[in-house]
N, C-alpha and C. Protein backbone atom coordinates (compact mmCIF):
# COMPACT_ATOMS: atom_id res chain seq x y z
N MET A 1 38.38 35.42 -63.71
CA MET A 1 37.10 35.14 -64.25
C MET A 1 37.05 33.45 -64.06
N ARG A 2 36.11 32.99 -63.54
CA ARG A 2 35.60 31.48 -63.55
C ARG A 2 35.38 30.95 -64.59
N ALA A 3 35.67 29.63 -65.08
CA ALA A 3 35.19 29.22 -66.37
C ALA A 3 33.48 28.25 -65.64
N THR A 4 32.71 28.41 -66.53
CA THR A 4 31.26 27.67 -66.12
C THR A 4 31.33 26.12 -66.69
N ARG A 5 30.67 25.18 -65.93
CA ARG A 5 30.68 24.12 -66.28
C ARG A 5 30.63 23.79 -68.10
N ALA A 6 29.87 24.27 -68.77
CA ALA A 6 29.95 24.40 -70.20
C ALA A 6 31.31 24.74 -70.85
N VAL A 7 31.85 25.56 -69.97
CA VAL A 7 33.22 25.84 -70.64
C VAL A 7 34.56 24.79 -70.21
N GLN A 8 34.34 24.49 -69.04
CA GLN A 8 34.84 23.67 -68.45
C GLN A 8 35.00 21.92 -69.10
N LYS A 9 33.85 21.71 -69.83
CA LYS A 9 33.47 20.51 -70.57
C LYS A 9 34.38 20.39 -71.73
N ILE A 10 34.17 21.59 -72.17
CA ILE A 10 34.57 21.91 -73.67
C ILE A 10 36.28 21.88 -73.86
N LEU A 11 36.75 22.41 -72.82
CA LEU A 11 38.38 22.53 -72.02
C LEU A 11 38.66 21.21 -71.84
N SER A 12 37.99 20.32 -71.76
CA SER A 12 38.29 18.77 -71.12
C SER A 12 38.79 18.08 -71.94
N ASN A 13 38.16 18.62 -73.68
CA ASN A 13 38.68 17.76 -74.85
C ASN A 13 39.76 18.40 -75.16
N TYR A 14 40.57 19.19 -74.83
CA TYR A 14 41.42 19.59 -74.75
C TYR A 14 43.10 19.48 -73.71
N GLU A 15 43.43 18.33 -73.74
CA GLU A 15 44.34 17.89 -72.76
C GLU A 15 45.55 17.84 -72.88
N GLY A 16 45.41 17.49 -74.65
CA GLY A 16 46.75 17.74 -74.86
C GLY A 16 47.66 18.91 -75.45
N THR A 17 46.78 19.73 -74.96
CA THR A 17 47.19 21.13 -75.35
C THR A 17 48.23 22.01 -74.44
N THR A 18 48.42 22.87 -74.69
CA THR A 18 49.26 23.98 -73.94
C THR A 18 48.40 24.60 -72.96
N PRO A 19 48.92 24.81 -71.87
CA PRO A 19 48.13 25.98 -70.89
C PRO A 19 47.58 27.34 -71.65
N GLY A 20 48.27 27.95 -72.27
CA GLY A 20 48.40 29.46 -73.19
C GLY A 20 47.03 29.11 -74.02
N VAL A 21 47.45 27.93 -75.17
CA VAL A 21 46.22 27.97 -75.52
C VAL A 21 44.66 27.76 -75.37
N LYS A 22 44.83 26.76 -74.32
CA LYS A 22 43.47 26.47 -73.54
C LYS A 22 43.00 28.02 -72.32
N ALA A 23 43.82 28.60 -72.20
CA ALA A 23 43.39 30.02 -71.45
C ALA A 23 43.20 30.90 -72.56
N ASN A 24 43.72 31.10 -73.88
CA ASN A 24 42.88 31.80 -74.77
C ASN A 24 41.50 31.23 -75.31
N LEU A 25 41.33 29.90 -75.41
CA LEU A 25 39.88 29.32 -75.93
C LEU A 25 38.78 29.66 -74.75
N CYS A 26 39.48 29.91 -73.23
CA CYS A 26 38.69 29.61 -72.47
C CYS A 26 38.33 31.42 -72.30
N ARG A 27 38.92 32.16 -72.57
CA ARG A 27 38.69 33.99 -72.92
C ARG A 27 37.98 33.77 -73.93
N MET A 28 38.10 33.09 -75.08
CA MET A 28 36.97 33.43 -76.26
C MET A 28 35.45 32.91 -75.94
N LEU A 29 35.72 31.57 -74.81
CA LEU A 29 34.21 31.08 -74.95
C LEU A 29 33.79 31.80 -73.39
N MET A 30 34.24 32.92 -72.96
CA MET A 30 33.63 33.71 -72.01
C MET A 30 33.21 35.10 -71.96
N ASN A 31 33.53 35.39 -73.54
CA ASN A 31 33.61 36.78 -73.42
C ASN A 31 32.48 36.75 -74.44
N GLY A 32 31.90 38.04 -74.64
CA GLY A 32 30.68 38.40 -75.37
C GLY A 32 29.40 38.04 -74.55
N LYS A 33 28.02 38.18 -75.32
CA LYS A 33 27.07 37.76 -75.11
C LYS A 33 26.93 36.55 -74.92
N LEU A 34 27.39 35.79 -75.64
CA LEU A 34 27.31 34.34 -75.63
C LEU A 34 28.13 33.50 -74.41
N GLY A 35 28.88 34.34 -73.81
CA GLY A 35 30.10 34.41 -72.50
C GLY A 35 29.49 33.28 -71.60
N GLY A 36 30.60 32.39 -71.41
CA GLY A 36 29.82 31.42 -70.54
C GLY A 36 29.19 29.95 -71.03
N THR A 37 28.02 30.45 -71.89
CA THR A 37 27.29 29.16 -72.49
C THR A 37 28.06 27.87 -73.71
N GLY A 38 29.32 27.99 -73.47
CA GLY A 38 29.52 27.04 -74.24
C GLY A 38 30.05 27.35 -75.98
N LYS A 39 29.04 28.43 -76.18
CA LYS A 39 28.93 28.69 -77.86
C LYS A 39 29.67 29.94 -78.03
N MET A 40 29.64 29.46 -79.62
CA MET A 40 30.49 30.83 -80.19
C MET A 40 30.22 31.13 -81.38
N ILE A 41 29.94 32.17 -81.45
CA ILE A 41 29.86 32.48 -83.13
C ILE A 41 30.78 33.09 -83.95
N ILE A 42 31.46 32.53 -85.44
CA ILE A 42 32.48 33.07 -86.21
C ILE A 42 31.49 33.38 -87.28
N LEU A 43 31.76 34.78 -87.41
CA LEU A 43 31.29 35.74 -88.53
C LEU A 43 32.30 35.73 -89.71
N PRO A 44 31.75 35.67 -91.23
CA PRO A 44 32.46 35.68 -92.32
C PRO A 44 33.42 37.04 -92.36
N VAL A 45 34.39 36.63 -92.94
CA VAL A 45 35.16 38.07 -93.46
C VAL A 45 35.48 38.17 -94.69
N ASP A 46 34.69 39.66 -95.04
CA ASP A 46 34.22 40.11 -95.89
C ASP A 46 36.28 40.36 -96.86
N GLN A 47 36.60 39.94 -98.07
CA GLN A 47 38.16 39.67 -98.58
C GLN A 47 37.83 41.14 -99.46
N GLY A 48 36.99 41.78 -100.04
CA GLY A 48 37.14 42.96 -100.46
C GLY A 48 36.77 42.59 -102.26
N LEU A 49 36.83 41.08 -102.50
CA LEU A 49 36.37 40.80 -103.65
C LEU A 49 35.24 41.89 -104.63
N ASN A 50 34.24 41.66 -103.58
CA ASN A 50 33.18 42.08 -104.54
C ASN A 50 33.15 43.46 -104.60
N THR A 51 34.35 44.39 -104.04
CA THR A 51 34.50 45.78 -104.57
C THR A 51 35.74 46.25 -105.40
N VAL A 52 36.35 44.88 -105.83
CA VAL A 52 37.67 45.03 -106.75
C VAL A 52 37.26 44.76 -108.31
N GLN A 53 37.64 45.72 -109.31
CA GLN A 53 36.95 45.23 -110.29
C GLN A 53 37.98 44.28 -110.92
N HIS A 54 39.83 44.71 -110.82
CA HIS A 54 40.30 43.87 -111.68
C HIS A 54 41.92 43.36 -110.57
N VAL A 55 41.66 42.23 -110.58
CA VAL A 55 43.16 41.76 -109.63
C VAL A 55 43.87 41.07 -110.49
N HIS A 56 45.03 41.73 -110.53
CA HIS A 56 46.11 40.76 -111.34
C HIS A 56 46.67 39.88 -110.60
N LEU A 57 47.36 38.56 -110.80
CA LEU A 57 48.04 37.69 -110.18
C LEU A 57 48.85 37.12 -111.17
N PRO A 58 50.42 37.29 -110.78
CA PRO A 58 51.38 36.80 -111.70
C PRO A 58 51.02 35.56 -111.91
N GLN A 59 51.56 35.06 -113.54
CA GLN A 59 51.48 33.81 -114.29
C GLN A 59 50.23 32.84 -114.14
N THR A 60 49.22 33.76 -114.18
CA THR A 60 47.85 33.32 -114.20
C THR A 60 47.05 33.17 -115.13
N GLN A 61 46.40 32.30 -116.06
CA GLN A 61 45.62 32.65 -117.40
C GLN A 61 44.29 32.68 -117.39
N GLN A 62 43.82 32.31 -115.98
CA GLN A 62 42.38 32.20 -116.13
C GLN A 62 41.54 33.32 -115.97
N HIS A 63 40.70 33.77 -116.90
CA HIS A 63 39.45 35.01 -116.39
C HIS A 63 38.14 34.29 -115.86
N MET A 64 37.93 34.46 -114.74
CA MET A 64 36.56 34.56 -114.17
C MET A 64 35.94 35.82 -114.14
N ILE A 65 34.52 35.32 -114.65
CA ILE A 65 33.71 36.53 -114.51
C ILE A 65 32.34 36.01 -113.92
N HIS A 66 31.70 36.59 -112.46
CA HIS A 66 30.72 36.45 -112.00
C HIS A 66 29.66 37.53 -111.74
N ASN A 67 28.48 36.80 -112.15
CA ASN A 67 27.45 37.98 -112.13
C ASN A 67 26.64 37.67 -111.08
N THR A 68 26.46 38.47 -110.07
CA THR A 68 25.41 38.49 -109.08
C THR A 68 24.75 39.50 -108.50
N THR A 69 23.95 39.31 -107.69
CA THR A 69 23.43 40.57 -107.28
C THR A 69 24.21 42.07 -107.19
N THR A 70 25.20 42.13 -106.66
CA THR A 70 25.76 42.55 -106.52
C THR A 70 27.12 43.35 -107.99
N SER A 71 26.94 42.09 -108.91
CA SER A 71 27.40 42.63 -110.29
C SER A 71 28.39 42.62 -110.04
N TRP A 72 29.83 41.94 -109.72
CA TRP A 72 31.29 42.39 -109.73
C TRP A 72 31.96 41.17 -110.66
N GLN A 73 32.77 41.56 -111.24
CA GLN A 73 33.54 41.12 -112.22
C GLN A 73 35.18 40.67 -111.47
N LEU A 74 35.74 39.70 -111.23
CA LEU A 74 37.37 39.46 -111.19
C LEU A 74 37.77 38.91 -112.24
N MET A 75 38.81 39.07 -112.61
CA MET A 75 39.55 38.98 -114.05
C MET A 75 40.62 38.82 -113.48
N LEU A 76 41.41 37.96 -113.56
CA LEU A 76 43.12 37.35 -113.37
C LEU A 76 43.32 36.93 -114.81
N ALA A 77 44.57 37.71 -114.68
CA ALA A 77 45.35 37.37 -115.92
C ALA A 77 47.09 37.67 -115.71
């Protein structure tokens, strides 16, 4: 697969990086519906905090209660 001009222009800004890093970046930019356009969409990752009722972390004395439309509570003790 040959990189388009848009992707080649982006990769030209990474002259100091290793060839493996540039190859992986090229693969990401050439993949998917936006492949070859030089654009990339990065979607947020759900950490699962909205489904956990109580999370206990060692040596933490903070209590945080957050009420949103999903009505979740996170308690750190």
